[in-house]
N, C-alpha and C. Protein backbone atom coordinates (compact mmCIF):
# COMPACT_ATOMS: atom_id res chain seq x y z
N MET A 1 -28.05 23.31 25.63
CA MET A 1 -26.57 22.37 25.98
C MET A 1 -26.61 20.63 25.25
N LYS A 2 -27.97 20.23 25.16
CA LYS A 2 -28.49 19.28 24.46
C LYS A 2 -28.49 19.80 23.34
N LYS A 3 -28.95 20.43 22.50
CA LYS A 3 -28.69 20.48 21.36
C LYS A 3 -27.29 20.69 21.05
N MET A 4 -26.16 21.45 21.85
CA MET A 4 -24.94 21.77 21.23
C MET A 4 -24.30 19.63 21.77
N PHE A 5 -24.42 19.27 22.46
CA PHE A 5 -23.96 18.07 22.70
C PHE A 5 -24.20 17.35 21.34
N THR A 6 -26.42 17.13 20.81
CA THR A 6 -26.18 16.15 19.95
C THR A 6 -25.72 16.80 18.75
N THR A 7 -25.34 17.84 18.28
CA THR A 7 -24.57 18.42 16.75
C THR A 7 -23.00 17.90 17.02
N ALA A 8 -22.51 18.25 18.23
CA ALA A 8 -21.14 17.45 18.78
C ALA A 8 -21.08 16.07 18.35
N MET A 9 -21.95 15.35 18.84
CA MET A 9 -22.24 13.86 18.51
C MET A 9 -22.24 13.57 16.70
N VAL A 10 -23.25 14.25 16.03
CA VAL A 10 -23.08 13.99 14.68
C VAL A 10 -22.22 13.90 13.63
N VAL A 11 -22.04 15.43 14.09
CA VAL A 11 -20.42 15.56 13.82
C VAL A 11 -19.15 14.66 13.56
N MET A 12 -19.46 14.23 15.43
CA MET A 12 -18.20 13.25 15.19
C MET A 12 -18.46 11.60 14.54
N LEU A 13 -19.21 11.78 14.18
CA LEU A 13 -20.06 10.45 13.89
C LEU A 13 -19.77 10.66 12.01
N ILE A 14 -20.11 11.67 11.92
CA ILE A 14 -19.82 12.10 10.24
C ILE A 14 -18.33 12.03 10.15
N ALA A 15 -17.78 12.72 10.84
CA ALA A 15 -16.06 12.39 10.74
C ALA A 15 -15.57 11.06 10.73
N ALA A 16 -16.21 10.27 11.76
CA ALA A 16 -16.09 8.68 12.00
C ALA A 16 -16.33 8.35 10.28
N VAL A 17 -17.17 8.00 9.90
CA VAL A 17 -17.28 7.71 9.12
C VAL A 17 -16.80 7.72 7.43
N GLY A 18 -16.47 8.95 7.84
CA GLY A 18 -15.62 9.58 6.58
C GLY A 18 -14.28 9.12 6.77
N VAL A 19 -13.37 8.73 8.15
CA VAL A 19 -11.80 8.39 7.95
C VAL A 19 -12.42 6.64 7.53
N LEU A 20 -13.59 5.89 8.25
CA LEU A 20 -13.44 4.64 7.77
C LEU A 20 -13.38 4.30 6.41
N GLN A 21 -14.04 5.22 5.52
CA GLN A 21 -14.43 4.89 4.80
C GLN A 21 -13.34 4.99 3.64
N VAL A 22 -12.02 6.27 3.91
CA VAL A 22 -10.97 6.04 3.73
C VAL A 22 -10.07 5.28 3.61
N VAL A 23 -9.93 4.64 4.78
CA VAL A 23 -9.73 3.28 5.72
C VAL A 23 -9.17 2.23 4.95
N THR A 24 -11.24 2.32 4.90
CA THR A 24 -11.46 1.40 3.92
C THR A 24 -11.10 0.43 2.40
N GLU A 25 -11.24 1.79 2.09
CA GLU A 25 -10.65 1.87 0.28
C GLU A 25 -8.95 1.74 0.31
N GLN A 26 -8.05 1.97 1.40
CA GLN A 26 -7.18 1.83 1.16
C GLN A 26 -6.89 0.76 1.47
N ASN A 27 -7.18 -0.08 2.26
CA ASN A 27 -7.82 -1.51 2.55
C ASN A 27 -7.67 -2.13 0.88
N ALA A 28 -8.42 -1.72 0.59
CA ALA A 28 -8.76 -2.28 -0.72
C ALA A 28 -7.87 -2.02 -1.41
N PHE A 29 -7.40 -1.05 -2.16
CA PHE A 29 -6.14 -0.75 -2.70
C PHE A 29 -5.26 -1.75 -2.37
N ALA A 30 -4.77 -1.75 -1.21
CA ALA A 30 -3.39 -2.61 -0.83
C ALA A 30 -4.04 -4.40 -0.94
N ALA A 31 -5.25 -4.56 -0.77
CA ALA A 31 -5.39 -5.88 -0.72
C ALA A 31 -5.55 -6.66 -2.25
N SER A 32 -5.51 -5.41 -3.29
CA SER A 32 -5.57 -6.30 -4.82
C SER A 32 -3.96 -5.88 -5.05
N GLY A 33 -2.91 -5.38 -4.10
CA GLY A 33 -1.61 -5.35 -4.67
C GLY A 33 -1.27 -7.03 -3.37
N LYS A 34 -1.96 -7.07 -2.82
CA LYS A 34 -1.16 -8.03 -2.21
C LYS A 34 -0.70 -9.82 -3.20
N SER A 35 -2.03 -9.79 -4.49
CA SER A 35 -1.98 -11.09 -5.25
C SER A 35 -0.84 -10.66 -6.09
N LEU A 36 -0.89 -9.36 -6.39
CA LEU A 36 0.39 -9.03 -7.36
C LEU A 36 2.01 -9.11 -6.68
N TYR A 37 1.95 -8.47 -5.48
CA TYR A 37 2.89 -9.35 -5.08
C TYR A 37 3.58 -10.42 -4.77
N LYS A 38 2.55 -11.22 -4.14
CA LYS A 38 2.78 -12.68 -3.99
C LYS A 38 3.55 -13.62 -5.31
N SER A 39 3.12 -12.72 -6.62
CA SER A 39 3.59 -12.95 -7.89
C SER A 39 4.38 -12.94 -8.29
N LYS A 40 5.01 -11.44 -8.09
CA LYS A 40 6.03 -10.87 -8.53
C LYS A 40 7.05 -10.44 -7.46
N CYS A 41 7.12 -10.34 -6.02
CA CYS A 41 7.93 -10.15 -5.38
C CYS A 41 8.08 -10.73 -4.32
N GLN A 42 7.35 -11.79 -3.92
CA GLN A 42 7.63 -12.51 -2.82
C GLN A 42 8.40 -13.56 -2.62
N SER A 43 8.58 -14.51 -3.87
CA SER A 43 10.12 -15.46 -3.20
C SER A 43 11.20 -14.55 -2.91
N CYS A 44 11.41 -13.07 -3.72
CA CYS A 44 12.88 -12.86 -3.71
C CYS A 44 12.66 -11.79 -2.16
N HIS A 45 11.73 -11.36 -1.91
CA HIS A 45 11.31 -10.18 -0.81
C HIS A 45 10.39 -10.47 0.44
N GLY A 46 9.85 -11.70 0.76
CA GLY A 46 9.68 -11.99 1.85
C GLY A 46 8.10 -12.24 1.39
N THR A 47 7.50 -12.42 2.71
CA THR A 47 6.04 -12.52 2.68
C THR A 47 5.39 -11.02 2.33
N LYS A 48 6.06 -10.46 3.05
CA LYS A 48 5.58 -8.73 3.28
C LYS A 48 6.50 -7.82 3.27
N GLY A 49 7.83 -8.19 2.64
CA GLY A 49 9.20 -7.18 2.07
C GLY A 49 9.54 -7.17 2.80
N GLY A 50 9.90 -7.86 4.04
CA GLY A 50 10.94 -7.58 5.19
C GLY A 50 12.25 -8.44 4.36
N GLY A 51 12.37 -8.60 3.34
CA GLY A 51 13.68 -9.50 2.56
C GLY A 51 13.52 -10.99 3.04
N ALA A 52 14.39 -11.65 2.18
CA ALA A 52 14.67 -13.01 1.67
C ALA A 52 15.93 -13.30 1.37
N SER A 53 16.35 -13.46 0.16
CA SER A 53 16.91 -13.49 -0.71
C SER A 53 17.22 -11.85 -1.27
N GLY A 54 16.34 -11.29 -1.73
CA GLY A 54 16.41 -10.08 -1.65
C GLY A 54 16.11 -8.84 -0.44
N PRO A 55 16.33 -7.81 -0.33
CA PRO A 55 16.56 -6.80 0.42
C PRO A 55 15.08 -6.51 1.27
N ASP A 56 15.06 -6.22 2.21
CA ASP A 56 14.02 -5.54 2.85
C ASP A 56 14.11 -4.60 1.94
N ILE A 57 12.09 -4.32 1.43
CA ILE A 57 11.91 -2.88 0.60
C ILE A 57 11.07 -2.33 2.14
N ARG A 58 10.46 -2.44 3.00
CA ARG A 58 9.72 -1.69 3.71
C ARG A 58 9.81 -0.61 3.94
N SER A 59 11.09 0.14 3.92
CA SER A 59 11.18 1.18 3.93
C SER A 59 11.07 2.31 3.03
N GLU A 60 11.46 1.55 1.35
CA GLU A 60 11.45 2.65 0.00
C GLU A 60 10.24 3.65 0.13
N SER A 61 10.87 4.57 -0.12
CA SER A 61 9.88 5.59 -0.31
C SER A 61 8.98 4.87 -2.06
N PHE A 62 7.32 5.84 -2.29
CA PHE A 62 7.09 5.06 -3.17
C PHE A 62 7.58 5.21 -4.35
N ASN A 63 8.14 6.55 -5.00
CA ASN A 63 9.41 7.08 -6.08
C ASN A 63 10.39 5.98 -5.93
N SER A 64 11.02 5.79 -4.92
CA SER A 64 12.38 4.85 -5.20
C SER A 64 12.10 3.01 -5.72
N PHE A 65 10.84 2.91 -4.78
CA PHE A 65 10.62 1.82 -5.31
C PHE A 65 9.81 1.53 -6.56
N LYS A 66 9.05 2.40 -6.84
CA LYS A 66 8.42 2.44 -8.43
C LYS A 66 9.66 2.21 -9.42
N LYS A 67 10.98 2.85 -9.14
CA LYS A 67 12.44 3.34 -10.07
C LYS A 67 12.63 2.26 -9.94
N ALA A 68 12.94 1.07 -9.09
CA ALA A 68 13.24 0.00 -8.89
C ALA A 68 12.93 -0.91 -9.28
N VAL A 69 11.08 -0.94 -9.28
CA VAL A 69 10.13 -1.96 -10.51
C VAL A 69 10.07 -1.38 -11.28
N LYS A 70 10.24 -0.66 -12.21
CA LYS A 70 10.35 -0.04 -13.67
C LYS A 70 11.87 -0.65 -14.17
N SER A 71 12.81 0.06 -13.31
CA SER A 71 14.23 -0.39 -14.29
C SER A 71 14.90 -1.46 -13.56
N GLY A 72 14.43 -2.05 -12.98
CA GLY A 72 15.05 -2.87 -12.07
C GLY A 72 16.48 -2.81 -11.20
N LYS A 73 17.32 -3.81 -10.77
CA LYS A 73 18.38 -3.39 -10.04
C LYS A 73 19.40 -4.78 -10.06
N GLU A 74 20.27 -4.89 -9.77
CA GLU A 74 21.39 -6.00 -9.19
C GLU A 74 20.06 -6.99 -9.03
N GLY A 75 20.11 -8.23 -9.91
CA GLY A 75 20.44 -9.09 -9.10
C GLY A 75 18.05 -9.54 -9.52
N MET A 76 17.79 -7.95 -9.93
CA MET A 76 16.51 -8.33 -10.03
C MET A 76 15.58 -7.32 -11.62
N PRO A 77 15.16 -8.42 -12.01
CA PRO A 77 14.47 -8.10 -13.43
C PRO A 77 13.72 -6.89 -13.08
N ALA A 78 13.62 -5.68 -14.39
CA ALA A 78 12.72 -4.75 -14.64
C ALA A 78 11.65 -5.34 -15.27
N PHE A 79 10.25 -4.92 -14.57
CA PHE A 79 8.90 -5.26 -14.50
C PHE A 79 8.36 -3.88 -15.10
N LYS A 80 8.87 -3.30 -16.72
CA LYS A 80 8.25 -2.11 -17.13
C LYS A 80 6.85 -2.31 -17.69
N SER A 81 6.35 -3.21 -17.61
CA SER A 81 4.83 -3.70 -18.13
C SER A 81 3.92 -2.76 -16.95
N LEU A 82 4.44 -2.73 -15.90
CA LEU A 82 3.63 -2.44 -14.45
C LEU A 82 3.33 -1.21 -14.97
N SER A 83 1.89 -0.68 -15.15
CA SER A 83 1.31 0.81 -14.60
C SER A 83 2.13 1.12 -13.17
N SER A 84 1.61 2.33 -13.14
CA SER A 84 2.29 3.14 -11.67
C SER A 84 1.04 2.86 -10.60
N THR A 85 -0.14 2.79 -11.62
CA THR A 85 -1.58 2.31 -10.69
C THR A 85 -1.37 1.46 -9.94
N THR A 86 -0.07 0.10 -10.59
CA THR A 86 -0.40 -1.52 -9.77
C THR A 86 0.80 -1.35 -9.51
N ILE A 87 1.85 -0.48 -9.15
CA ILE A 87 2.61 -0.50 -8.72
C ILE A 87 3.03 0.18 -6.85
N LYS A 88 1.41 1.29 -7.36
CA LYS A 88 1.59 1.59 -6.20
C LYS A 88 0.87 0.48 -5.50
N LYS A 89 -0.24 0.12 -6.00
CA LYS A 89 -1.08 -1.25 -5.30
C LYS A 89 0.15 -2.05 -4.78
N ILE A 90 1.05 -2.91 -4.83
CA ILE A 90 2.03 -3.02 -4.14
C ILE A 90 2.87 -2.68 -3.82
N TRP A 91 3.26 -1.29 -3.41
CA TRP A 91 3.81 -0.79 -2.34
C TRP A 91 2.43 -0.49 -1.06
N LYS A 92 1.90 -0.09 -1.80
CA LYS A 92 0.59 0.18 -0.67
C LYS A 92 0.37 -1.34 0.23
N PHE A 93 0.41 -2.35 -0.40
CA PHE A 93 0.23 -3.60 0.26
C PHE A 93 1.59 -3.78 1.17
N VAL A 94 2.41 -3.66 0.76
CA VAL A 94 3.85 -4.02 1.46
C VAL A 94 3.85 -2.85 2.87
N HIS A 95 2.99 -1.74 2.46
CA HIS A 95 3.31 -0.76 3.85
C HIS A 95 1.83 -0.25 4.95
N ILE A 96 0.77 -1.36 4.71
CA ILE A 96 0.04 -1.21 5.54
C ILE A 96 -0.14 -2.69 6.14
């Protein structure tokens, strides 16, 4: 019984470390999007995407967000030079 308990605890610890690593990586990815968001989006979309002179972008799917960033929208310029990875970082920042 003690061996089963120890084994279960080790398995749970390994799983927790794996989850923590994924969350840490996602947060780091989003953090790198923060400065990009501040320089390119914040003046119109607010501090975290909730809207200001531009619309609230927090509910946008990634594909919709990417299309708007690449092509522009009414009142918003296109950012054609931004890579998909860069756009994903900005989107993650808004959604975390």
